[in-house]
């Protein structure tokens, strides 16, 4: 069933990423800006049962992680999800459109997180009344700096990610442990929980905080002993992140009432830490948020490098995306072009209206990857029952998100539809201009 995308496979001598490095990359890509502002949104739907929502969405993420780990172990590639899509669906415009949609989602996600970085950094260094010029300036600066790091090789990416993630985890783990010792159990009493339907409706929202695990799919060309270490990295990073999220949710909703969490939606984590750490807590949370945003950007740029390189090699992007910039790695020219698009989006557009579009697209891509995987189980030896459970759970999360967004925020729903349609339009136009069949080299 599977085709074989053309890509020079690395040898063990050229694989520089250790298991620890991959784990830090995975955790850093998940523990990003979303967790700092998510409690208010989730609390307005699930009340004090947000920790249950994180548990359910974490289980769905682990199911998807199983699928990704099996594919990554069998088909290790720097092209990650793109490579698997080609193998599962073959060649043609359908696959090319899906891949282009995934590429769009990475650009949107990085731009969104970059603006979050700019907001936190401007507030931390210049105060709450900092001009939007500074916000956009910080956003552009972090993308440019981390693009340079990713251009010069995976080793530098992992080193930077390890530092960034360590700082975030030390602060957040400390906050979680401190809050857990001070919680008021009555605030978490099940009698105060909303109906189960409300908790399930919030799963689509909390699932977004796990979506970064897909970045690990792109470590296949760099991670040492991918058949063994990619599954380990996937499970360790997802498991640790789920425990951290649940602990933070219990701590926040065990310290503040639901009304207080919603009232402090953007700073709920800092507000919960205030009784324990005082004003210092706000500063520490701001520092953690800055580093978390930087870590998420760093990890997603790493994935974008592998994505754009393979897309260029297989005819879905101009050949220039696959070239090596002076002093950079393979595909570093494409990373520079992608970074330029990200900076333009971050500086010129208000990303608030499409803040969840990128995440929704990534979730939909995960569904499509699982469908493709079901056609390749003979190669991966994955359990079909587990894949079906992962598919149905993820599909349900997508449908719930779509229905909820359509009812509560129609413009975001429209933005999602436009993004999906635009992916195929852009790919169709490129094929007509280049006169090159998409993924023409696959299977040769």
Protein backbone atom coordinates (compact mmCIF):
# COMPACT_ATOMS: atom_id res chain seq x y z
CA UNK A 1 0.00 0.00 0.00
CA UNK A 2 2.70 2.48 1.00
CA UNK A 3 4.85 4.46 -1.37
CA UNK A 4 8.37 5.53 -0.65
CA UNK A 5 9.01 9.26 -0.61
CA UNK A 6 12.45 10.16 -1.86
CA UNK A 7 14.63 11.27 1.00
CA UNK A 8 18.21 10.45 1.89
CA UNK A 9 17.93 8.52 5.13
CA UNK A 10 20.46 9.48 7.79
CA UNK A 11 22.87 7.00 9.28
CA UNK A 12 23.38 6.46 13.00
CA UNK A 13 26.55 8.55 12.77
CA UNK A 14 24.55 11.56 11.63
CA UNK A 15 21.80 11.14 14.26
CA UNK A 16 22.61 13.53 17.09
CA UNK A 17 19.37 13.78 19.08
CA UNK A 18 19.29 11.74 22.29
CA UNK A 19 16.20 10.37 24.00
CA UNK A 20 16.45 13.11 26.62
CA UNK A 21 16.69 15.77 23.91
CA UNK A 22 13.58 14.41 22.19
CA UNK A 23 11.66 14.33 25.48
CA UNK A 24 12.51 17.98 26.16
CA UNK A 25 11.50 18.85 22.59
CA UNK A 26 8.16 17.07 23.03
CA UNK A 27 7.36 18.59 26.43
CA UNK A 28 8.46 22.04 25.31
CA UNK A 29 6.25 21.90 22.23
CA UNK A 30 3.20 21.08 24.38
CA UNK A 31 3.72 23.26 27.45
CA UNK A 32 3.37 26.51 25.54
CA UNK A 33 1.37 29.68 25.85
CA UNK A 34 -2.01 27.93 25.88
CA UNK A 35 -1.74 26.48 29.37
CA UNK A 36 -1.37 29.96 30.88
CA UNK A 37 -4.65 31.27 29.45
CA UNK A 38 -6.62 28.04 29.13
CA UNK A 39 -8.03 27.66 32.63
CA UNK A 40 -10.48 30.55 32.27
CA UNK A 41 -11.85 29.29 28.95
CA UNK A 42 -12.11 25.68 30.10
CA UNK A 43 -13.53 26.70 33.49
CA UNK A 44 -16.39 28.59 31.84
CA UNK A 45 -17.50 25.26 30.31
CA UNK A 46 -16.39 22.49 32.69
CA UNK A 47 -16.30 24.39 35.99
CA UNK A 48 -14.12 22.79 38.66
CA UNK A 49 -14.04 19.55 36.63
CA UNK A 50 -11.39 20.96 34.28
CA UNK A 51 -8.91 18.42 35.66
CA UNK A 52 -11.23 15.66 34.37
CA UNK A 53 -11.20 17.33 30.96
CA UNK A 54 -7.39 17.34 30.97
CA UNK A 55 -7.41 13.66 31.93
CA UNK A 56 -9.75 12.67 29.10
CA UNK A 57 -7.96 14.80 26.50
CA UNK A 58 -4.62 13.42 27.75
CA UNK A 59 -5.84 9.87 27.15
CA UNK A 60 -6.90 10.83 23.61
CA UNK A 61 -3.46 12.37 23.07
CA UNK A 62 -1.79 9.16 24.30
CA UNK A 63 -3.90 7.14 21.86
CA UNK A 64 -2.78 9.41 19.03
CA UNK A 65 0.75 9.25 20.40
CA UNK A 66 0.62 5.45 20.08
CA UNK A 67 -0.23 5.83 16.39
CA UNK A 68 2.52 8.39 15.81
CA UNK A 69 5.07 6.33 17.74
CA UNK A 70 4.38 3.20 15.70
CA UNK A 71 4.64 5.12 12.43
CA UNK A 72 7.78 6.92 13.55
CA UNK A 73 9.47 3.69 14.63
CA UNK A 74 8.70 1.98 11.32
CA UNK A 75 9.25 5.00 9.02
CA UNK A 76 11.74 7.33 10.73
CA UNK A 77 12.02 10.49 8.66
CA UNK A 78 12.60 14.21 9.10
CA UNK A 79 9.44 14.61 7.01
CA UNK A 80 7.35 13.13 9.82
CA UNK A 81 3.61 13.43 9.21
CA UNK A 82 4.15 14.43 5.57
CA UNK A 83 6.07 11.23 4.87
CA UNK A 84 3.31 9.16 6.49
CA UNK A 85 0.56 10.93 4.55
CA UNK A 86 2.29 10.14 1.24
CA UNK A 87 2.74 6.53 2.25
CA UNK A 88 -0.87 6.18 3.40
CA UNK A 89 -2.71 8.09 0.68
CA UNK A 90 -0.32 7.89 -2.26
CA UNK A 91 0.25 10.71 -4.74
CA UNK A 92 -2.00 13.40 -6.11
CA UNK A 93 -3.83 16.58 -5.19
CA UNK A 94 -5.73 15.10 -2.24
CA UNK A 95 -2.53 14.25 -0.38
CA UNK A 96 -0.84 17.47 -1.49
CA UNK A 97 -3.74 19.54 -0.19
CA UNK A 98 -3.68 17.79 3.19
CA UNK A 99 0.07 18.36 3.46
CA UNK A 100 -0.28 22.03 2.51
CA UNK A 101 -3.01 22.36 5.15
CA UNK A 102 -0.66 20.94 7.76
CA UNK A 103 2.06 23.35 6.67
CA UNK A 104 -0.38 26.26 7.03
CA UNK A 105 -1.23 25.12 10.53
CA UNK A 106 2.43 25.26 11.57
CA UNK A 107 2.81 28.80 10.25
CA UNK A 108 -0.39 29.98 11.97
CA UNK A 109 0.53 28.27 15.24
CA UNK A 110 4.02 29.80 15.39
CA UNK A 111 2.67 33.27 14.54
CA UNK A 112 0.02 32.93 17.24
CA UNK A 113 2.51 31.82 19.89
CA UNK A 114 4.98 34.51 18.81
CA UNK A 115 2.36 37.20 19.51
CA UNK A 116 1.72 35.60 22.91
CA UNK A 117 5.46 35.77 23.56
CA UNK A 118 5.40 39.44 22.57
CA UNK A 119 2.55 40.17 24.99
CA UNK A 120 4.22 38.43 27.92
CA UNK A 121 7.66 39.87 27.17
CA UNK A 122 6.36 43.43 26.75
CA UNK A 123 4.39 43.16 29.99
CA UNK A 124 7.37 41.68 31.85
CA UNK A 125 9.94 44.25 30.68
CA UNK A 126 7.83 47.35 30.00
CA UNK A 127 4.70 46.99 32.10
CA UNK A 128 1.04 46.37 31.31
CA UNK A 129 0.70 49.54 29.22
CA UNK A 130 3.40 48.61 26.71
CA UNK A 131 2.72 49.68 23.13
CA UNK A 132 1.66 47.12 20.51
CA UNK A 133 4.76 48.14 18.60
CA UNK A 134 6.84 46.52 21.34
CA UNK A 135 4.59 43.45 21.36
CA UNK A 136 5.06 42.96 17.61
CA UNK A 137 8.77 43.74 17.88
CA UNK A 138 9.32 41.06 20.52
CA UNK A 139 7.28 38.61 18.44
CA UNK A 140 9.39 39.19 15.34
CA UNK A 141 12.66 39.07 17.31
CA UNK A 142 11.98 35.68 18.90
CA UNK A 143 11.03 34.10 15.55
CA UNK A 144 14.18 35.46 13.86
CA UNK A 145 16.47 34.37 16.72
CA UNK A 146 15.06 30.85 16.95
CA UNK A 147 15.04 30.46 13.16
CA UNK A 148 18.79 31.08 13.19
CA UNK A 149 19.25 28.41 15.89
CA UNK A 150 17.25 25.86 13.88
CA UNK A 151 19.16 26.65 10.69
CA UNK A 152 22.48 25.57 12.15
CA UNK A 153 21.44 22.07 13.16
CA UNK A 154 19.35 19.89 15.45
CA UNK A 155 22.00 19.88 18.20
CA UNK A 156 21.59 23.61 18.79
CA UNK A 157 17.80 23.29 18.66
CA UNK A 158 17.83 20.60 21.34
CA UNK A 159 20.28 22.50 23.56
CA UNK A 160 18.10 25.60 23.43
CA UNK A 161 14.97 23.54 23.99
CA UNK A 162 16.47 21.80 27.01
CA UNK A 163 17.29 25.14 28.67
CA UNK A 164 13.91 26.71 27.88
CA UNK A 165 11.89 23.68 28.97
CA UNK A 166 13.90 23.16 32.16
CA UNK A 167 13.17 26.72 33.32
CA UNK A 168 9.44 26.34 32.56
CA UNK A 169 9.15 22.94 34.25
CA UNK A 170 11.01 24.04 37.39
CA UNK A 171 8.66 27.01 37.83
CA UNK A 172 5.42 25.21 36.94
CA UNK A 173 6.23 22.06 38.91
CA UNK A 174 7.07 24.20 41.92
CA UNK A 175 3.79 26.10 41.59
CA UNK A 176 1.80 22.89 41.18
CA UNK A 177 3.31 21.25 44.27
CA UNK A 178 2.85 24.41 46.35
CA UNK A 179 -0.79 24.83 45.29
CA UNK A 180 -1.61 21.17 45.91
CA UNK A 181 -0.57 21.58 49.55
CA UNK A 182 -2.89 24.59 49.97
CA UNK A 183 -6.06 23.50 48.13
CA UNK A 184 -9.55 23.68 49.58
CA UNK A 185 -11.11 20.23 48.86
CA UNK A 186 -14.64 21.63 49.01
CA UNK A 187 -13.96 23.67 45.86
CA UNK A 188 -13.29 20.42 43.98
CA UNK A 189 -16.30 18.48 45.31
CA UNK A 190 -18.01 16.50 42.49
CA UNK A 191 -21.35 17.88 43.67
CA UNK A 192 -20.26 21.22 42.22
CA UNK A 193 -19.39 19.80 38.80
CA UNK A 194 -21.50 20.69 35.74
CA UNK A 195 -23.24 17.94 33.68
CA UNK A 196 -21.02 15.38 31.97
CA UNK A 197 -21.98 16.85 28.59
CA UNK A 198 -20.32 20.14 29.57
CA UNK A 199 -17.15 18.37 30.67
CA UNK A 200 -17.02 16.48 27.35
CA UNK A 201 -17.58 19.72 25.43
CA UNK A 202 -14.47 21.16 27.07
CA UNK A 203 -12.30 18.22 25.98
CA UNK A 204 -11.93 19.68 22.49
CA UNK A 205 -10.51 22.81 24.12
CA UNK A 206 -8.09 21.16 26.57
CA UNK A 207 -6.90 18.73 23.89
CA UNK A 208 -5.27 21.67 22.11
CA UNK A 209 -2.77 21.96 24.96
CA UNK A 210 -1.38 18.54 23.97
CA UNK A 211 -1.19 19.06 20.20
CA UNK A 212 2.53 19.83 20.22
CA UNK A 213 3.34 16.12 20.55
CA UNK A 214 3.13 15.94 16.74
CA UNK A 215 6.47 17.76 16.59
CA UNK A 216 8.13 14.51 17.68
CA UNK A 217 7.04 13.00 14.37
CA UNK A 218 9.74 15.10 12.69
CA UNK A 219 12.62 13.79 14.84
CA UNK A 220 12.93 10.57 12.80
CA UNK A 221 15.93 11.88 10.85
CA UNK A 222 17.79 13.10 13.95
CA UNK A 223 16.91 10.90 16.92
CA UNK A 224 19.28 8.07 17.82
CA UNK A 225 17.82 4.55 17.49
CA UNK A 226 14.41 5.84 16.34
CA UNK A 227 12.74 2.42 16.50
CA UNK A 228 13.31 2.38 20.25
CA UNK A 229 13.62 6.02 21.27
CA UNK A 230 10.78 7.67 19.35
CA UNK A 231 8.04 5.65 21.13
CA UNK A 232 9.77 6.25 24.47
CA UNK A 233 10.05 9.98 23.85
CA UNK A 234 6.38 10.13 22.81
CA UNK A 235 5.05 8.31 25.89
CA UNK A 236 7.35 10.00 28.40
CA UNK A 237 6.65 13.54 27.16
CA UNK A 238 2.89 12.97 26.91
CA UNK A 239 2.68 11.22 30.27
CA UNK A 240 4.64 13.89 32.12
CA UNK A 241 2.71 16.71 30.46
CA UNK A 242 -0.64 15.13 31.35
CA UNK A 243 0.35 14.76 35.01
CA UNK A 244 1.56 18.39 35.10
CA UNK A 245 -1.65 19.71 33.51
CA UNK A 246 -3.90 17.74 35.88
CA UNK A 247 -1.89 18.89 38.91
CA UNK A 248 -2.08 22.53 37.79
CA UNK A 249 -5.83 22.26 37.14
CA UNK A 250 -6.45 20.77 40.59
CA UNK A 251 -4.26 23.43 42.15
CA UNK A 252 -5.94 26.36 40.38
CA UNK A 253 -9.54 25.22 40.92
CA UNK A 254 -8.73 24.03 44.42
CA UNK A 255 -7.43 27.49 45.31
CA UNK A 256 -9.87 29.77 43.46
CA UNK A 257 -13.61 29.51 42.89
CA UNK A 258 -14.78 28.96 39.33
CA UNK A 259 -16.00 32.56 39.22
CA UNK A 260 -12.57 33.83 40.29
CA UNK A 261 -10.84 31.71 37.65
CA UNK A 262 -13.13 33.04 34.92
CA UNK A 263 -12.69 36.63 36.14
CA UNK A 264 -8.90 36.19 35.92
CA UNK A 265 -9.03 34.18 32.71
CA UNK A 266 -5.73 35.43 31.25
CA UNK A 267 -3.80 35.22 34.53
CA UNK A 268 -5.63 32.46 36.44
CA UNK A 269 -2.42 30.57 37.18
CA UNK A 270 -0.77 33.67 38.62
CA UNK A 271 -3.93 34.55 40.56
CA UNK A 272 -3.95 31.10 42.15
CA UNK A 273 -0.29 31.48 43.11
CA UNK A 274 -0.81 34.94 44.62
CA UNK A 275 -1.93 33.72 48.08
CA UNK A 276 1.18 31.52 48.31
CA UNK A 277 3.94 33.58 46.66
CA UNK A 278 2.52 37.09 46.61
CA UNK A 279 3.54 39.56 43.89
CA UNK A 280 6.65 37.48 43.14
CA UNK A 281 4.30 34.79 41.83
CA UNK A 282 3.05 37.02 39.02
CA UNK A 283 6.61 37.74 37.93
CA UNK A 284 7.60 34.08 38.01
CA UNK A 285 4.55 33.08 35.97
CA UNK A 286 5.35 35.79 33.43
CA UNK A 287 8.92 34.47 33.17
CA UNK A 288 7.63 30.92 32.74
CA UNK A 289 5.19 32.10 30.06
CA UNK A 290 7.97 33.85 28.11
CA UNK A 291 10.17 30.76 28.14
CA UNK A 292 7.23 28.44 27.41
CA UNK A 293 6.28 30.48 24.34
CA UNK A 294 9.90 30.50 23.15
CA UNK A 295 10.11 26.73 23.64
CA UNK A 296 6.93 26.10 21.68
CA UNK A 297 8.15 28.34 18.84
CA UNK A 298 11.54 26.62 18.81
CA UNK A 299 10.00 23.14 18.62
CA UNK A 300 7.49 24.05 15.91
CA UNK A 301 10.15 25.75 13.77
CA UNK A 302 12.14 22.51 14.00
CA UNK A 303 9.11 20.63 12.62
CA UNK A 304 8.60 23.27 9.90
CA UNK A 305 12.19 22.74 8.70
CA UNK A 306 11.56 19.05 8.07
CA UNK A 307 8.11 19.70 6.61
CA UNK A 308 9.09 22.36 4.08
CA UNK A 309 12.20 20.39 3.02
CA UNK A 310 10.25 17.24 2.16
CA UNK A 311 7.44 19.26 0.54
CA UNK A 312 10.00 20.92 -1.75
CA UNK A 313 11.59 17.59 -2.61
CA UNK A 314 8.20 16.13 -3.51
CA UNK A 315 7.00 19.06 -5.61
CA UNK A 316 4.47 20.58 -3.19
CA UNK A 317 6.54 23.73 -2.63
CA UNK A 318 9.04 25.55 -4.89
CA UNK A 319 12.48 23.88 -5.07
CA UNK A 320 14.05 26.83 -3.23
CA UNK A 321 12.43 25.57 -0.01
CA UNK A 322 14.66 22.50 -0.15
CA UNK A 323 17.94 24.33 -0.60
CA UNK A 324 20.67 24.77 1.99
CA UNK A 325 21.38 28.35 3.02
CA UNK A 326 25.02 29.28 3.53
CA UNK A 327 26.16 27.72 6.81
CA UNK A 328 22.77 26.09 7.39
CA UNK A 329 21.33 22.59 7.24
CA UNK A 330 19.38 20.96 4.39
CA UNK A 331 16.18 22.92 3.80
CA UNK A 332 17.35 25.94 5.80
CA UNK A 333 16.42 28.22 2.89
CA UNK A 334 12.84 27.01 3.22
CA UNK A 335 12.90 27.67 6.95
CA UNK A 336 13.97 31.26 6.27
CA UNK A 337 11.06 31.73 3.86
CA UNK A 338 8.64 30.17 6.34
CA UNK A 339 9.96 32.41 9.12
CA UNK A 340 9.45 35.48 6.94
CA UNK A 341 5.80 34.48 6.40
CA UNK A 342 5.39 33.91 10.15
CA UNK A 343 6.83 37.33 11.00
CA UNK A 344 4.52 39.01 8.48
CA UNK A 345 1.46 37.29 9.97
CA UNK A 346 2.50 38.13 13.52
CA UNK A 347 3.20 41.78 12.72
CA UNK A 348 0.41 42.61 10.27
CA UNK A 349 -2.61 40.60 11.46
CA UNK A 350 -4.75 40.35 14.54
CA UNK A 351 -4.45 36.65 15.26
CA UNK A 352 -7.07 36.66 17.99
CA UNK A 353 -9.85 35.73 15.56
CA UNK A 354 -7.95 32.65 14.34
CA UNK A 355 -6.26 31.72 17.61
CA UNK A 356 -7.73 28.21 17.60
CA UNK A 357 -7.79 27.63 13.83
CA UNK A 358 -4.23 26.29 13.71
CA UNK A 359 -4.89 23.93 16.60
CA UNK A 360 -8.14 22.70 15.05
CA UNK A 361 -6.36 21.99 11.78
CA UNK A 362 -3.62 20.04 13.57
CA UNK A 363 -6.29 17.97 15.32
CA UNK A 364 -7.95 17.26 11.96
CA UNK A 365 -4.57 16.30 10.50
CA UNK A 366 -4.13 13.82 13.38
CA UNK A 367 -7.43 12.22 12.40
CA UNK A 368 -6.26 11.90 8.79
CA UNK A 369 -2.92 10.42 9.92
CA UNK A 370 -4.76 7.75 11.89
CA UNK A 371 -6.91 6.88 8.87
CA UNK A 372 -3.73 6.57 6.79
CA UNK A 373 -2.16 4.44 9.52
CA UNK A 374 -5.06 1.97 9.39
CA UNK A 375 -3.98 1.28 5.82
CA UNK A 376 -0.40 0.56 6.90
CA UNK A 377 -0.80 -1.67 9.97
CA UNK A 378 0.77 -4.57 8.11
CA UNK A 379 3.99 -2.54 8.07
CA UNK A 380 3.80 -0.95 11.54
CA UNK A 381 2.28 -3.94 13.42
CA UNK A 382 0.07 -1.48 15.31
CA UNK A 383 -3.11 -2.65 17.04
CA UNK A 384 -6.14 -1.86 14.89
CA UNK A 385 -8.53 -1.67 17.88
CA UNK A 386 -6.33 0.99 19.52
CA UNK A 387 -6.13 2.92 16.26
CA UNK A 388 -9.90 2.81 15.84
CA UNK A 389 -10.41 4.07 19.39
CA UNK A 390 -7.89 6.88 18.72
CA UNK A 391 -9.64 7.75 15.46
CA UNK A 392 -13.15 7.84 16.93
CA UNK A 393 -12.07 9.81 20.03
CA UNK A 394 -10.19 12.40 17.95
CA UNK A 395 -12.98 12.67 15.39
CA UNK A 396 -15.47 13.26 18.18
CA UNK A 397 -13.23 16.04 19.57
CA UNK A 398 -13.08 17.68 16.12
CA UNK A 399 -16.85 17.51 15.67
CA UNK A 400 -17.54 18.88 19.15
CA UNK A 401 -15.09 21.73 18.52
CA UNK A 402 -16.67 22.52 15.15
CA UNK A 403 -20.20 22.53 16.59
CA UNK A 404 -19.19 24.60 19.63
CA UNK A 405 -17.28 27.12 17.50
CA UNK A 406 -20.13 27.43 14.99
CA UNK A 407 -22.54 28.26 17.81
CA UNK A 408 -20.31 30.53 19.90
CA UNK A 409 -17.88 32.09 17.41
CA UNK A 410 -19.12 31.82 13.79
CA UNK A 411 -16.29 33.99 12.41
CA UNK A 412 -13.66 31.59 13.72
CA UNK A 413 -15.59 28.73 12.12
CA UNK A 414 -15.56 30.65 8.82
CA UNK A 415 -11.81 31.28 9.19
CA UNK A 416 -11.32 27.53 9.68
CA UNK A 417 -13.24 26.72 6.48
CA UNK A 418 -11.33 29.38 4.51
CA UNK A 419 -7.99 27.96 5.73
CA UNK A 420 -8.97 24.46 4.62
CA UNK A 421 -10.12 25.59 1.17
CA UNK A 422 -7.10 27.87 0.72
CA UNK A 423 -4.69 24.96 1.20
CA UNK A 424 -6.00 23.16 -1.87
CA UNK A 425 -6.29 26.37 -3.89
CA UNK A 426 -2.65 27.29 -3.20
CA UNK A 427 -1.46 23.79 -4.09
CA UNK A 428 -3.56 23.74 -7.30
CA UNK A 429 -2.15 27.12 -8.37
CA UNK A 430 1.42 25.98 -7.68
CA UNK A 431 0.92 22.80 -9.72
CA UNK A 432 -0.44 24.84 -12.64
CA UNK A 433 2.43 27.33 -12.49
CA UNK A 434 5.22 24.78 -12.01
CA UNK A 435 3.68 22.13 -14.30
CA UNK A 436 4.99 19.62 -11.76
CA UNK A 437 2.86 16.76 -10.53
CA UNK A 438 2.58 16.96 -6.71
CA UNK A 439 4.63 14.26 -4.99
CA UNK A 440 5.81 13.19 -8.45
CA UNK A 441 9.00 11.69 -7.04
CA UNK A 442 7.25 9.46 -4.55
CA UNK A 443 7.81 5.79 -5.07
CA UNK A 444 10.77 6.16 -7.44
